[in-house]
Amino acid sequence: MSSQEILARLSDAIVNLDRASVPSLVEEALAAGLSPYEVLANGLSKGMRRVGELFRANEVYIPEVLVACDAYYAALNVVRPKIDRTEARNFLGTMVIGTIYGDVHTVGKDVAIPVFEAAGLNVVDLGVGVPADRFVQAVKEHNAQIVGLGTYMTASFMHTKDVVEALKAAGLRDRVKVICGGPSAEPEAARRLGADDASDDAWEAVGKIKALLAQLPPEYKGASA
């Protein structure tokens, strides 16, 4: 079986919501000599991009997207630890993302992460109820260029300013872009709180994130494992 056929099987498994088969298909692909990054970028991520196309065309809905994400995560658990630093340079950039403190919602973040990874980002999931200082620590630890704040309630959305101020105090604000996500996040309101942009649509957010990365000074661009 050719490399393209193997990658197509991986992509199809995501689109077909075949969570049970994905981990073994990843192992087969790696055993066949495909690099971990290739498995992720040209197999799994291609499948998630196709799921996104189907969702935006109203051919699948959120329940199916969640199952596709579950299949993607099952595969990611196998392939992600095998990506070395050399391959990580292929990523567009590194994003640290978490549901901001005061909020425990996970669904939006868990959908957004595979969408962002399918677009070529190296995404570090910080979980839920993340305090401002943890975002600061993660930016330093992972040399991140993007900070993603999940803000699904108006009250937690207001904590955006706290994260931005913490980044400023740490001397990191000029080297990162901050984007908010969730039903309570609106672009102009996010900018008033110090963020750079916001979106309630993960696929729309991809374009915004790429535009924000392009605005960073050259010395801060690039990915880090």
N, C-alpha and C. Protein backbone atom coordinates (compact mmCIF):
# COMPACT_ATOMS: atom_id res chain seq x y z
N MET A 1 0.85 -1.19 0.00
CA MET A 1 0.00 0.00 0.00
C MET A 1 0.89 1.25 0.00
N SER A 2 0.56 2.20 -0.85
CA SER A 2 1.37 3.41 -0.97
C SER A 2 1.14 4.34 0.22
N SER A 3 2.05 5.29 0.39
CA SER A 3 1.91 6.27 1.46
C SER A 3 0.62 7.06 1.33
N GLN A 4 0.28 7.43 0.10
CA GLN A 4 -0.94 8.20 -0.12
C GLN A 4 -2.18 7.40 0.26
N GLU A 5 -2.15 6.11 -0.01
CA GLU A 5 -3.30 5.26 0.35
C GLU A 5 -3.42 5.14 1.87
N ILE A 6 -2.29 5.02 2.55
CA ILE A 6 -2.29 4.94 4.00
C ILE A 6 -2.85 6.23 4.61
N LEU A 7 -2.38 7.36 4.11
CA LEU A 7 -2.86 8.65 4.61
C LEU A 7 -4.35 8.84 4.32
N ALA A 8 -4.79 8.37 3.17
CA ALA A 8 -6.21 8.47 2.82
C ALA A 8 -7.07 7.65 3.78
N ARG A 9 -6.58 6.48 4.18
CA ARG A 9 -7.31 5.65 5.15
C ARG A 9 -7.44 6.39 6.48
N LEU A 10 -6.38 7.05 6.89
CA LEU A 10 -6.42 7.82 8.13
C LEU A 10 -7.44 8.95 8.05
N SER A 11 -7.37 9.69 6.95
CA SER A 11 -8.29 10.80 6.74
C SER A 11 -9.74 10.31 6.72
N ASP A 12 -9.98 9.23 6.00
CA ASP A 12 -11.35 8.68 5.90
C ASP A 12 -11.87 8.20 7.24
N ALA A 13 -10.97 7.65 8.07
CA ALA A 13 -11.40 7.17 9.38
C ALA A 13 -11.92 8.32 10.24
N ILE A 14 -11.28 9.49 10.15
CA ILE A 14 -11.77 10.65 10.88
C ILE A 14 -13.12 11.09 10.34
N VAL A 15 -13.22 11.20 9.03
CA VAL A 15 -14.48 11.65 8.41
C VAL A 15 -15.61 10.67 8.70
N ASN A 16 -15.29 9.37 8.74
CA ASN A 16 -16.30 8.34 8.98
C ASN A 16 -16.54 8.07 10.46
N LEU A 17 -15.92 8.88 11.32
CA LEU A 17 -16.13 8.82 12.77
C LEU A 17 -15.74 7.46 13.36
N ASP A 18 -14.70 6.86 12.78
CA ASP A 18 -14.28 5.52 13.16
C ASP A 18 -13.21 5.59 14.26
N ARG A 19 -13.64 5.94 15.46
CA ARG A 19 -12.70 6.12 16.55
C ARG A 19 -11.94 4.84 16.89
N ALA A 20 -12.62 3.71 16.82
CA ALA A 20 -12.01 2.45 17.24
C ALA A 20 -10.81 2.06 16.37
N SER A 21 -10.86 2.42 15.09
CA SER A 21 -9.81 1.99 14.16
C SER A 21 -8.63 2.94 14.09
N VAL A 22 -8.83 4.19 14.49
CA VAL A 22 -7.81 5.21 14.24
C VAL A 22 -6.46 4.92 14.90
N PRO A 23 -6.42 4.56 16.19
CA PRO A 23 -5.10 4.32 16.80
C PRO A 23 -4.28 3.24 16.08
N SER A 24 -4.94 2.14 15.69
CA SER A 24 -4.21 1.07 15.00
C SER A 24 -3.78 1.51 13.61
N LEU A 25 -4.58 2.34 12.95
CA LEU A 25 -4.20 2.86 11.64
C LEU A 25 -2.97 3.76 11.75
N VAL A 26 -2.91 4.54 12.83
CA VAL A 26 -1.74 5.38 13.06
C VAL A 26 -0.50 4.52 13.26
N GLU A 27 -0.63 3.48 14.05
CA GLU A 27 0.51 2.58 14.29
C GLU A 27 0.97 1.93 12.98
N GLU A 28 0.02 1.55 12.13
CA GLU A 28 0.37 0.96 10.83
C GLU A 28 1.11 1.97 9.96
N ALA A 29 0.64 3.21 9.98
CA ALA A 29 1.27 4.25 9.17
C ALA A 29 2.71 4.50 9.63
N LEU A 30 2.92 4.54 10.94
CA LEU A 30 4.27 4.76 11.47
C LEU A 30 5.17 3.56 11.15
N ALA A 31 4.60 2.36 11.26
CA ALA A 31 5.38 1.15 10.96
C ALA A 31 5.76 1.09 9.48
N ALA A 32 4.94 1.73 8.64
CA ALA A 32 5.21 1.74 7.20
C ALA A 32 6.27 2.78 6.83
N GLY A 33 6.71 3.56 7.81
CA GLY A 33 7.78 4.52 7.56
C GLY A 33 7.35 5.96 7.41
N LEU A 34 6.05 6.25 7.56
CA LEU A 34 5.62 7.64 7.48
C LEU A 34 6.05 8.37 8.75
N SER A 35 6.45 9.62 8.60
CA SER A 35 6.87 10.38 9.77
C SER A 35 5.66 10.77 10.61
N PRO A 36 5.84 10.95 11.91
CA PRO A 36 4.72 11.37 12.76
C PRO A 36 4.07 12.67 12.28
N TYR A 37 4.90 13.63 11.85
CA TYR A 37 4.32 14.89 11.37
C TYR A 37 3.46 14.67 10.12
N GLU A 38 3.93 13.80 9.22
CA GLU A 38 3.17 13.53 8.00
C GLU A 38 1.84 12.86 8.33
N VAL A 39 1.86 11.94 9.30
CA VAL A 39 0.62 11.29 9.73
C VAL A 39 -0.36 12.32 10.25
N LEU A 40 0.15 13.26 11.05
CA LEU A 40 -0.71 14.29 11.62
C LEU A 40 -1.20 15.27 10.56
N ALA A 41 -0.27 15.81 9.77
CA ALA A 41 -0.60 16.90 8.85
C ALA A 41 -1.37 16.43 7.62
N ASN A 42 -0.98 15.29 7.06
CA ASN A 42 -1.55 14.86 5.78
C ASN A 42 -2.56 13.73 5.89
N GLY A 43 -2.74 13.22 7.13
CA GLY A 43 -3.72 12.18 7.35
C GLY A 43 -4.82 12.65 8.27
N LEU A 44 -4.50 12.76 9.54
CA LEU A 44 -5.50 13.13 10.55
C LEU A 44 -6.06 14.54 10.33
N SER A 45 -5.17 15.49 10.12
CA SER A 45 -5.62 16.88 9.96
C SER A 45 -6.42 17.06 8.68
N LYS A 46 -6.06 16.33 7.64
CA LYS A 46 -6.83 16.40 6.39
C LYS A 46 -8.26 15.94 6.65
N GLY A 47 -8.41 14.89 7.46
CA GLY A 47 -9.74 14.42 7.80
C GLY A 47 -10.53 15.46 8.57
N MET A 48 -9.88 16.13 9.53
CA MET A 48 -10.59 17.16 10.29
C MET A 48 -10.97 18.35 9.42
N ARG A 49 -10.12 18.68 8.45
CA ARG A 49 -10.48 19.78 7.53
C ARG A 49 -11.72 19.40 6.73
N ARG A 50 -11.81 18.15 6.33
CA ARG A 50 -12.98 17.68 5.58
C ARG A 50 -14.23 17.72 6.45
N VAL A 51 -14.10 17.34 7.73
CA VAL A 51 -15.23 17.43 8.65
C VAL A 51 -15.70 18.88 8.77
N GLY A 52 -14.74 19.81 8.82
CA GLY A 52 -15.08 21.22 8.88
C GLY A 52 -15.86 21.68 7.65
N GLU A 53 -15.43 21.21 6.48
CA GLU A 53 -16.14 21.55 5.24
C GLU A 53 -17.57 21.02 5.27
N LEU A 54 -17.74 19.80 5.75
CA LEU A 54 -19.07 19.20 5.82
C LEU A 54 -19.95 19.94 6.83
N PHE A 55 -19.34 20.37 7.93
CA PHE A 55 -20.09 21.10 8.95
C PHE A 55 -20.58 22.43 8.42
N ARG A 56 -19.69 23.14 7.73
CA ARG A 56 -20.07 24.45 7.21
C ARG A 56 -21.08 24.34 6.08
N ALA A 57 -21.14 23.17 5.45
CA ALA A 57 -22.14 22.94 4.40
C ALA A 57 -23.42 22.33 4.96
N ASN A 58 -23.51 22.24 6.29
CA ASN A 58 -24.68 21.66 6.97
C ASN A 58 -24.93 20.21 6.59
N GLU A 59 -23.85 19.49 6.29
CA GLU A 59 -23.97 18.07 5.97
C GLU A 59 -23.69 17.19 7.18
N VAL A 60 -23.00 17.74 8.17
CA VAL A 60 -22.87 17.11 9.49
C VAL A 60 -23.11 18.19 10.54
N TYR A 61 -23.38 17.75 11.77
CA TYR A 61 -23.73 18.69 12.83
C TYR A 61 -22.82 18.47 14.04
N ILE A 62 -23.02 19.29 15.07
CA ILE A 62 -22.11 19.28 16.21
C ILE A 62 -21.92 17.87 16.81
N PRO A 63 -22.97 17.05 16.97
CA PRO A 63 -22.72 15.71 17.51
C PRO A 63 -21.70 14.92 16.69
N GLU A 64 -21.79 15.00 15.36
CA GLU A 64 -20.83 14.30 14.50
C GLU A 64 -19.44 14.94 14.62
N VAL A 65 -19.40 16.25 14.71
CA VAL A 65 -18.10 16.92 14.87
C VAL A 65 -17.43 16.48 16.16
N LEU A 66 -18.20 16.33 17.23
CA LEU A 66 -17.63 15.91 18.50
C LEU A 66 -17.07 14.48 18.41
N VAL A 67 -17.76 13.60 17.70
CA VAL A 67 -17.26 12.24 17.52
C VAL A 67 -15.98 12.26 16.68
N ALA A 68 -15.95 13.09 15.64
CA ALA A 68 -14.74 13.22 14.83
C ALA A 68 -13.58 13.73 15.67
N CYS A 69 -13.86 14.69 16.55
CA CYS A 69 -12.82 15.20 17.44
C CYS A 69 -12.32 14.11 18.37
N ASP A 70 -13.23 13.28 18.86
CA ASP A 70 -12.84 12.19 19.74
C ASP A 70 -11.92 11.22 19.01
N ALA A 71 -12.24 10.92 17.75
CA ALA A 71 -11.39 10.04 16.95
C ALA A 71 -10.02 10.68 16.72
N TYR A 72 -10.03 11.97 16.47
CA TYR A 72 -8.78 12.70 16.25
C TYR A 72 -7.90 12.65 17.50
N TYR A 73 -8.49 12.90 18.67
CA TYR A 73 -7.73 12.87 19.91
C TYR A 73 -7.17 11.48 20.19
N ALA A 74 -7.94 10.43 19.86
CA ALA A 74 -7.46 9.06 20.07
C ALA A 74 -6.21 8.81 19.24
N ALA A 75 -6.18 9.33 18.03
CA ALA A 75 -5.01 9.19 17.17
C ALA A 75 -3.87 10.07 17.65
N LEU A 76 -4.21 11.27 18.10
CA LEU A 76 -3.20 12.23 18.53
C LEU A 76 -2.40 11.69 19.72
N ASN A 77 -3.08 10.95 20.59
CA ASN A 77 -2.40 10.36 21.74
C ASN A 77 -1.29 9.41 21.32
N VAL A 78 -1.42 8.83 20.14
CA VAL A 78 -0.42 7.90 19.63
C VAL A 78 0.70 8.65 18.93
N VAL A 79 0.34 9.61 18.08
CA VAL A 79 1.34 10.22 17.19
C VAL A 79 2.05 11.42 17.79
N ARG A 80 1.38 12.19 18.63
CA ARG A 80 1.96 13.45 19.10
C ARG A 80 3.28 13.27 19.86
N PRO A 81 3.39 12.28 20.77
CA PRO A 81 4.67 12.14 21.50
C PRO A 81 5.85 11.78 20.61
N LYS A 82 5.57 11.35 19.38
CA LYS A 82 6.64 10.91 18.49
C LYS A 82 7.16 12.03 17.58
N ILE A 83 6.53 13.20 17.62
CA ILE A 83 6.98 14.33 16.80
C ILE A 83 8.18 14.98 17.48
N ASP A 84 9.32 14.98 16.81
CA ASP A 84 10.51 15.56 17.41
C ASP A 84 10.59 17.05 17.11
N ARG A 85 11.58 17.70 17.70
CA ARG A 85 11.70 19.15 17.56
C ARG A 85 11.96 19.58 16.12
N THR A 86 12.67 18.74 15.37
CA THR A 86 12.94 19.08 13.96
C THR A 86 11.64 19.15 13.18
N GLU A 87 10.79 18.14 13.37
CA GLU A 87 9.50 18.14 12.68
C GLU A 87 8.60 19.27 13.18
N ALA A 88 8.70 19.61 14.46
CA ALA A 88 7.84 20.66 15.03
C ALA A 88 8.05 22.00 14.35
N ARG A 89 9.21 22.19 13.73
CA ARG A 89 9.45 23.45 13.03
C ARG A 89 8.50 23.65 11.85
N ASN A 90 7.85 22.57 11.42
CA ASN A 90 6.90 22.68 10.30
C ASN A 90 5.60 23.36 10.70
N PHE A 91 5.34 23.46 12.01
CA PHE A 91 4.11 24.11 12.46
C PHE A 91 4.16 25.61 12.17
N LEU A 92 2.97 26.19 11.96
CA LEU A 92 2.87 27.64 11.72
C LEU A 92 3.29 28.42 12.96
N GLY A 93 3.02 27.88 14.11
CA GLY A 93 3.31 28.54 15.36
C GLY A 93 2.75 27.72 16.50
N THR A 94 3.02 28.15 17.72
CA THR A 94 2.53 27.44 18.90
C THR A 94 1.47 28.28 19.60
N MET A 95 0.39 27.61 19.96
CA MET A 95 -0.73 28.25 20.65
C MET A 95 -0.96 27.56 21.99
N VAL A 96 -1.07 28.34 23.05
CA VAL A 96 -1.52 27.79 24.33
C VAL A 96 -2.98 28.21 24.49
N ILE A 97 -3.81 27.25 24.86
CA ILE A 97 -5.25 27.51 24.90
C ILE A 97 -5.85 26.91 26.16
N GLY A 98 -6.81 27.61 26.72
CA GLY A 98 -7.49 27.10 27.90
C GLY A 98 -8.77 27.87 28.16
N THR A 99 -9.68 27.22 28.87
CA THR A 99 -10.88 27.92 29.32
C THR A 99 -10.49 28.80 30.50
N ILE A 100 -10.75 30.07 30.39
CA ILE A 100 -10.28 31.04 31.37
C ILE A 100 -10.93 30.78 32.74
N TYR A 101 -10.23 31.17 33.81
CA TYR A 101 -10.73 30.87 35.16
C TYR A 101 -12.10 31.49 35.39
N GLY A 102 -12.91 30.79 36.16
CA GLY A 102 -14.30 31.19 36.36
C GLY A 102 -15.25 30.46 35.44
N ASP A 103 -14.70 29.63 34.54
CA ASP A 103 -15.51 28.91 33.56
C ASP A 103 -15.00 27.48 33.45
N VAL A 104 -15.92 26.52 33.36
CA VAL A 104 -15.51 25.12 33.29
C VAL A 104 -16.01 24.44 32.01
N HIS A 105 -16.47 25.20 31.03
CA HIS A 105 -16.95 24.61 29.78
C HIS A 105 -15.77 24.05 28.98
N THR A 106 -15.99 22.92 28.34
CA THR A 106 -14.91 22.28 27.58
C THR A 106 -15.25 22.04 26.12
N VAL A 107 -16.53 21.97 25.76
CA VAL A 107 -16.90 21.53 24.41
C VAL A 107 -16.30 22.42 23.34
N GLY A 108 -16.43 23.73 23.48
CA GLY A 108 -15.91 24.63 22.45
C GLY A 108 -14.41 24.48 22.26
N LYS A 109 -13.69 24.42 23.38
CA LYS A 109 -12.23 24.26 23.31
C LYS A 109 -11.86 22.93 22.67
N ASP A 110 -12.58 21.87 23.05
CA ASP A 110 -12.24 20.55 22.55
C ASP A 110 -12.54 20.40 21.06
N VAL A 111 -13.47 21.19 20.55
CA VAL A 111 -13.70 21.23 19.10
C VAL A 111 -12.65 22.08 18.42
N ALA A 112 -12.31 23.21 19.04
CA ALA A 112 -11.38 24.16 18.41
C ALA A 112 -9.98 23.58 18.24
N ILE A 113 -9.50 22.83 19.22
CA ILE A 113 -8.12 22.37 19.18
C ILE A 113 -7.80 21.55 17.94
N PRO A 114 -8.57 20.50 17.61
CA PRO A 114 -8.25 19.77 16.38
C PRO A 114 -8.42 20.60 15.12
N VAL A 115 -9.33 21.57 15.13
CA VAL A 115 -9.48 22.45 13.98
C VAL A 115 -8.20 23.29 13.82
N PHE A 116 -7.69 23.81 14.91
CA PHE A 116 -6.47 24.62 14.86
C PHE A 116 -5.27 23.76 14.45
N GLU A 117 -5.20 22.55 14.97
CA GLU A 117 -4.09 21.68 14.61
C GLU A 117 -4.18 21.27 13.14
N ALA A 118 -5.40 21.09 12.66
CA ALA A 118 -5.57 20.76 11.24
C ALA A 118 -5.08 21.88 10.35
N ALA A 119 -5.10 23.10 10.88
CA ALA A 119 -4.62 24.26 10.12
C ALA A 119 -3.11 24.42 10.21
N GLY A 120 -2.45 23.59 11.03
CA GLY A 120 -0.99 23.64 11.09
C GLY A 120 -0.40 24.26 12.34
N LEU A 121 -1.23 24.45 13.37
CA LEU A 121 -0.73 25.01 14.63
C LEU A 121 -0.32 23.90 15.59
N ASN A 122 0.70 24.17 16.37
CA ASN A 122 1.08 23.32 17.49
C ASN A 122 0.31 23.84 18.69
N VAL A 123 -0.67 23.05 19.20
CA VAL A 123 -1.58 23.53 20.23
C VAL A 123 -1.31 22.83 21.55
N VAL A 124 -1.17 23.63 22.60
CA VAL A 124 -0.97 23.12 23.95
C VAL A 124 -2.23 23.41 24.76
N ASP A 125 -2.90 22.34 25.21
CA ASP A 125 -4.17 22.47 25.94
C ASP A 125 -3.89 22.61 27.43
N LEU A 126 -4.29 23.74 28.00
CA LEU A 126 -4.06 24.00 29.41
C LEU A 126 -5.24 23.58 30.28
N GLY A 127 -6.34 23.15 29.64
CA GLY A 127 -7.49 22.67 30.39
C GLY A 127 -8.51 23.77 30.67
N VAL A 128 -9.22 23.62 31.80
CA VAL A 128 -10.31 24.55 32.14
C VAL A 128 -9.98 25.29 33.43
N GLY A 129 -10.67 26.42 33.62
CA GLY A 129 -10.46 27.21 34.84
C GLY A 129 -9.03 27.68 34.98
N VAL A 130 -8.41 28.10 33.87
CA VAL A 130 -6.98 28.42 33.86
C VAL A 130 -6.76 29.85 34.37
N PRO A 131 -5.96 30.03 35.42
CA PRO A 131 -5.69 31.38 35.94
C PRO A 131 -4.70 32.13 35.05
N ALA A 132 -4.65 33.43 35.23
CA ALA A 132 -3.81 34.28 34.39
C ALA A 132 -2.34 33.87 34.45
N ASP A 133 -1.84 33.55 35.65
CA ASP A 133 -0.43 33.23 35.77
C ASP A 133 -0.05 31.93 35.07
N ARG A 134 -1.04 31.03 34.91
CA ARG A 134 -0.76 29.78 34.19
C ARG A 134 -0.59 30.04 32.70
N PHE A 135 -1.35 30.96 32.15
CA PHE A 135 -1.15 31.35 30.75
C PHE A 135 0.24 31.94 30.57
N VAL A 136 0.66 32.79 31.49
CA VAL A 136 1.99 33.39 31.42
C VAL A 136 3.06 32.31 31.46
N GLN A 137 2.94 31.39 32.39
CA GLN A 137 3.90 30.30 32.53
C GLN A 137 3.97 29.46 31.25
N ALA A 138 2.80 29.19 30.66
CA ALA A 138 2.75 28.36 29.46
C ALA A 138 3.39 29.05 28.26
N VAL A 139 3.19 30.36 28.15
CA VAL A 139 3.83 31.11 27.05
C VAL A 139 5.34 30.98 27.16
N LYS A 140 5.86 31.12 28.36
CA LYS A 140 7.31 30.99 28.57
C LYS A 140 7.78 29.57 28.28
N GLU A 141 7.07 28.61 28.81
CA GLU A 141 7.48 27.20 28.71
C GLU A 141 7.50 26.70 27.28
N HIS A 142 6.51 27.11 26.50
CA HIS A 142 6.34 26.58 25.14
C HIS A 142 6.73 27.57 24.05
N ASN A 143 7.22 28.74 24.45
CA ASN A 143 7.59 29.77 23.48
C ASN A 143 6.43 30.04 22.53
N ALA A 144 5.26 30.24 23.10
CA ALA A 144 4.04 30.37 22.30
C ALA A 144 3.93 31.74 21.65
N GLN A 145 3.26 31.77 20.51
CA GLN A 145 2.99 33.02 19.81
C GLN A 145 1.52 33.44 19.91
N ILE A 146 0.65 32.47 20.25
CA ILE A 146 -0.79 32.74 20.34
C ILE A 146 -1.30 32.25 21.69
N VAL A 147 -2.12 33.08 22.33
CA VAL A 147 -2.82 32.69 23.55
C VAL A 147 -4.31 32.64 23.23
N GLY A 148 -4.93 31.48 23.41
CA GLY A 148 -6.35 31.31 23.15
C GLY A 148 -7.12 31.23 24.45
N LEU A 149 -8.08 32.14 24.64
CA LEU A 149 -8.88 32.19 25.87
C LEU A 149 -10.30 31.73 25.58
N GLY A 150 -10.69 30.59 26.14
CA GLY A 150 -12.07 30.14 26.04
C GLY A 150 -12.92 30.89 27.05
N THR A 151 -13.87 31.66 26.57
CA THR A 151 -14.68 32.51 27.45
C THR A 151 -16.15 32.32 27.10
N TYR A 152 -16.76 31.32 27.70
CA TYR A 152 -18.11 30.93 27.30
C TYR A 152 -19.20 31.62 28.10
N MET A 153 -18.83 32.35 29.14
CA MET A 153 -19.78 33.13 29.93
C MET A 153 -19.30 34.58 29.99
N THR A 154 -20.22 35.49 30.08
CA THR A 154 -19.85 36.91 30.12
C THR A 154 -18.93 37.21 31.30
N ALA A 155 -19.21 36.60 32.45
CA ALA A 155 -18.40 36.87 33.64
C ALA A 155 -16.95 36.45 33.42
N SER A 156 -16.74 35.29 32.81
CA SER A 156 -15.36 34.84 32.59
C SER A 156 -14.71 35.62 31.46
N PHE A 157 -15.50 36.06 30.49
CA PHE A 157 -14.97 36.87 29.39
C PHE A 157 -14.29 38.13 29.93
N MET A 158 -14.84 38.67 31.01
CA MET A 158 -14.27 39.89 31.59
C MET A 158 -12.87 39.64 32.18
N HIS A 159 -12.53 38.39 32.45
CA HIS A 159 -11.20 38.08 32.97
C HIS A 159 -10.12 38.14 31.87
N THR A 160 -10.54 38.36 30.65
CA THR A 160 -9.56 38.54 29.57
C THR A 160 -8.56 39.63 29.94
N LYS A 161 -9.06 40.71 30.50
CA LYS A 161 -8.17 41.83 30.86
C LYS A 161 -7.11 41.39 31.86
N ASP A 162 -7.47 40.50 32.79
CA ASP A 162 -6.51 40.04 33.79
C ASP A 162 -5.36 39.27 33.14
N VAL A 163 -5.70 38.44 32.15
CA VAL A 163 -4.67 37.67 31.44
C VAL A 163 -3.75 38.61 30.66
N VAL A 164 -4.34 39.57 29.97
CA VAL A 164 -3.55 40.52 29.19
C VAL A 164 -2.62 41.31 30.11
N GLU A 165 -3.12 41.76 31.24
CA GLU A 165 -2.29 42.52 32.17
C GLU A 165 -1.17 41.66 32.74
N ALA A 166 -1.45 40.38 32.98
CA ALA A 166 -0.41 39.48 33.49
C ALA A 166 0.68 39.27 32.44
N LEU A 167 0.29 39.17 31.18
CA LEU A 167 1.27 39.05 30.10
C LEU A 167 2.13 40.30 30.00
N LYS A 168 1.49 41.47 30.17
CA LYS A 168 2.24 42.73 30.15
C LYS A 168 3.24 42.78 31.29
N ALA A 169 2.78 42.42 32.48
CA ALA A 169 3.64 42.48 33.66
C ALA A 169 4.85 41.56 33.52
N ALA A 170 4.67 40.46 32.78
CA ALA A 170 5.76 39.51 32.57
C ALA A 170 6.65 39.89 31.40
N GLY A 171 6.31 40.99 30.73
CA GLY A 171 7.10 41.43 29.58
C GLY A 171 6.89 40.59 28.34
N LEU A 172 5.71 39.94 28.23
CA LEU A 172 5.45 39.01 27.14
C LEU A 172 4.43 39.52 26.12
N ARG A 173 3.77 40.62 26.42
CA ARG A 173 2.63 41.01 25.57
C ARG A 173 3.04 41.29 24.14
N ASP A 174 4.23 41.84 23.91
CA ASP A 174 4.63 42.19 22.55
C ASP A 174 4.97 40.97 21.69
N ARG A 175 5.19 39.82 22.32
CA ARG A 175 5.60 38.64 21.57
C ARG A 175 4.48 37.64 21.35
N VAL A 176 3.27 37.94 21.86
CA VAL A 176 2.13 37.04 21.67
C VAL A 176 0.91 37.81 21.20
N LYS A 177 0.03 37.09 20.54
CA LYS A 177 -1.28 37.61 20.18
C LYS A 177 -2.33 36.84 20.99
N VAL A 178 -3.36 37.55 21.42
CA VAL A 178 -4.39 36.98 22.28
C VAL A 178 -5.72 36.96 21.52
N ILE A 179 -6.33 35.78 21.45
CA ILE A 179 -7.63 35.66 20.79
C ILE A 179 -8.61 34.96 21.73
N CYS A 180 -9.82 35.48 21.82
CA CYS A 180 -10.87 34.91 22.67
C CYS A 180 -11.81 34.07 21.81
N GLY A 181 -12.40 33.05 22.43
CA GLY A 181 -13.36 32.23 21.72
C GLY A 181 -14.51 31.84 22.62
N GLY A 182 -15.71 31.75 22.04
CA GLY A 182 -16.88 31.36 22.80
C GLY A 182 -18.06 32.27 22.49
N PRO A 183 -19.26 31.84 22.86
CA PRO A 183 -20.47 32.60 22.52
C PRO A 183 -20.53 33.98 23.14
N SER A 184 -19.79 34.21 24.23
CA SER A 184 -19.82 35.54 24.85
C SER A 184 -18.71 36.45 24.33
N ALA A 185 -17.85 35.91 23.47
CA ALA A 185 -16.70 36.68 22.98
C ALA A 185 -17.04 37.41 21.69
N GLU A 186 -16.88 38.71 21.71
CA GLU A 186 -17.17 39.56 20.54
C GLU A 186 -15.91 40.36 20.24
N PRO A 187 -15.52 40.47 18.97
CA PRO A 187 -14.22 41.08 18.65
C PRO A 187 -13.96 42.45 19.24
N GLU A 188 -14.89 43.38 19.09
CA GLU A 188 -14.64 44.73 19.59
C GLU A 188 -14.55 44.75 21.12
N ALA A 189 -15.42 43.98 21.77
CA ALA A 189 -15.36 43.91 23.23
C ALA A 189 -14.04 43.30 23.68
N ALA A 190 -13.59 42.27 22.95
CA ALA A 190 -12.32 41.63 23.29
C ALA A 190 -11.16 42.62 23.17
N ARG A 191 -11.18 43.43 22.13
CA ARG A 191 -10.11 44.43 21.95
C ARG A 191 -10.14 45.47 23.07
N ARG A 192 -11.33 45.84 23.52
CA ARG A 192 -11.42 46.80 24.63
C ARG A 192 -10.82 46.22 25.91
N LEU A 193 -10.85 44.90 26.03
CA LEU A 193 -10.28 44.24 27.20
C LEU A 193 -8.79 43.94 27.02
N GLY A 194 -8.25 44.31 25.86
CA GLY A 194 -6.82 44.15 25.63
C GLY A 194 -6.42 43.01 24.74
N ALA A 195 -7.38 42.17 24.31
CA ALA A 195 -7.07 41.07 23.40
C ALA A 195 -6.92 41.61 21.98
N ASP A 196 -6.51 40.75 21.06
CA ASP A 196 -6.31 41.17 19.68
C ASP A 196 -7.50 40.85 18.78
N ASP A 197 -8.28 39.83 19.13
CA ASP A 197 -9.42 39.46 18.31
C ASP A 197 -10.26 38.43 19.06
N ALA A 198 -11.39 38.05 18.46
CA ALA A 198 -12.26 37.03 19.04
C ALA A 198 -13.08 36.39 17.94
N SER A 199 -13.55 35.17 18.19
CA SER A 199 -14.41 34.48 17.24
C SER A 199 -15.17 33.39 17.96
N ASP A 200 -16.40 33.16 17.55
CA ASP A 200 -17.21 32.08 18.10
C ASP A 200 -17.26 30.90 17.12
N ASP A 201 -16.41 30.91 16.11
CA ASP A 201 -16.38 29.88 15.07
C ASP A 201 -14.94 29.45 14.89
N ALA A 202 -14.64 28.20 15.21
CA ALA A 202 -13.24 27.73 15.17
C ALA A 202 -12.65 27.85 13.78
N TRP A 203 -13.47 27.58 12.75
CA TRP A 203 -12.95 27.63 11.38
C TRP A 203 -12.68 29.07 10.96
N GLU A 204 -13.56 29.99 11.37
CA GLU A 204 -13.29 31.41 11.11
C GLU A 204 -12.05 31.87 11.88
N ALA A 205 -11.89 31.35 13.10
CA ALA A 205 -10.77 31.75 13.94
C ALA A 205 -9.43 31.39 13.32
N VAL A 206 -9.39 30.33 12.53
CA VAL A 206 -8.14 29.93 11.88
C VAL A 206 -7.58 31.08 11.04
N GLY A 207 -8.44 31.69 10.23
CA GLY A 207 -8.00 32.82 9.41
C GLY A 207 -7.52 33.98 10.25
N LYS A 208 -8.22 34.24 11.35
CA LYS A 208 -7.83 35.34 12.24
C LYS A 208 -6.48 35.05 12.89
N ILE A 209 -6.27 33.80 13.31
CA ILE A 209 -5.01 33.44 13.95
C ILE A 209 -3.85 33.58 12.98
N LYS A 210 -4.04 33.14 11.76
CA LYS A 210 -2.98 33.28 10.75
C LYS A 210 -2.65 34.75 10.51
N ALA A 211 -3.68 35.59 10.48
CA ALA A 211 -3.45 37.03 10.29
C ALA A 211 -2.70 37.62 11.49
N LEU A 212 -3.03 37.18 12.69
CA LEU A 212 -2.33 37.67 13.88
C LEU A 212 -0.87 37.22 13.89
N LEU A 213 -0.62 35.98 13.51
CA LEU A 213 0.76 35.50 13.45
C LEU A 213 1.59 36.34 12.47
N ALA A 214 0.96 36.74 11.38
CA ALA A 214 1.67 37.54 10.37
C ALA A 214 2.06 38.92 10.90
N GLN A 215 1.37 39.37 11.95
CA GLN A 215 1.66 40.70 12.51
C GLN A 215 2.81 40.69 13.51
N LEU A 216 3.24 39.51 13.95
CA LEU A 216 4.31 39.44 14.96
C LEU A 216 5.65 39.85 14.38
N PRO A 217 6.49 40.46 15.17
CA PRO A 217 7.85 40.76 14.71
C PRO A 217 8.57 39.47 14.32
N PRO A 218 9.46 39.52 13.34
CA PRO A 218 10.14 38.31 12.84
C PRO A 218 10.79 37.47 13.92
N GLU A 219 11.37 38.12 14.93
CA GLU A 219 12.08 37.37 15.96
C GLU A 219 11.18 36.53 16.85
N TYR A 220 9.85 36.78 16.79
CA TYR A 220 8.93 36.03 17.63
C TYR A 220 8.14 34.99 16.84
N LYS A 221 8.34 34.93 15.54
CA LYS A 221 7.60 33.97 14.73
C LYS A 221 8.26 32.60 14.81
N GLY A 222 7.48 31.56 14.45
CA GLY A 222 8.02 30.21 14.44
C GLY A 222 7.36 29.35 15.48
N ALA A 223 7.59 28.03 15.38
CA ALA A 223 6.95 27.08 16.28
C ALA A 223 7.95 26.53 17.27
N SER A 224 7.43 26.06 18.36
CA SER A 224 8.27 25.40 19.36
C SER A 224 7.59 24.14 19.82
N ALA A 225 8.36 23.08 19.99
CA ALA A 225 7.76 21.82 20.44
C ALA A 225 7.42 21.91 21.92
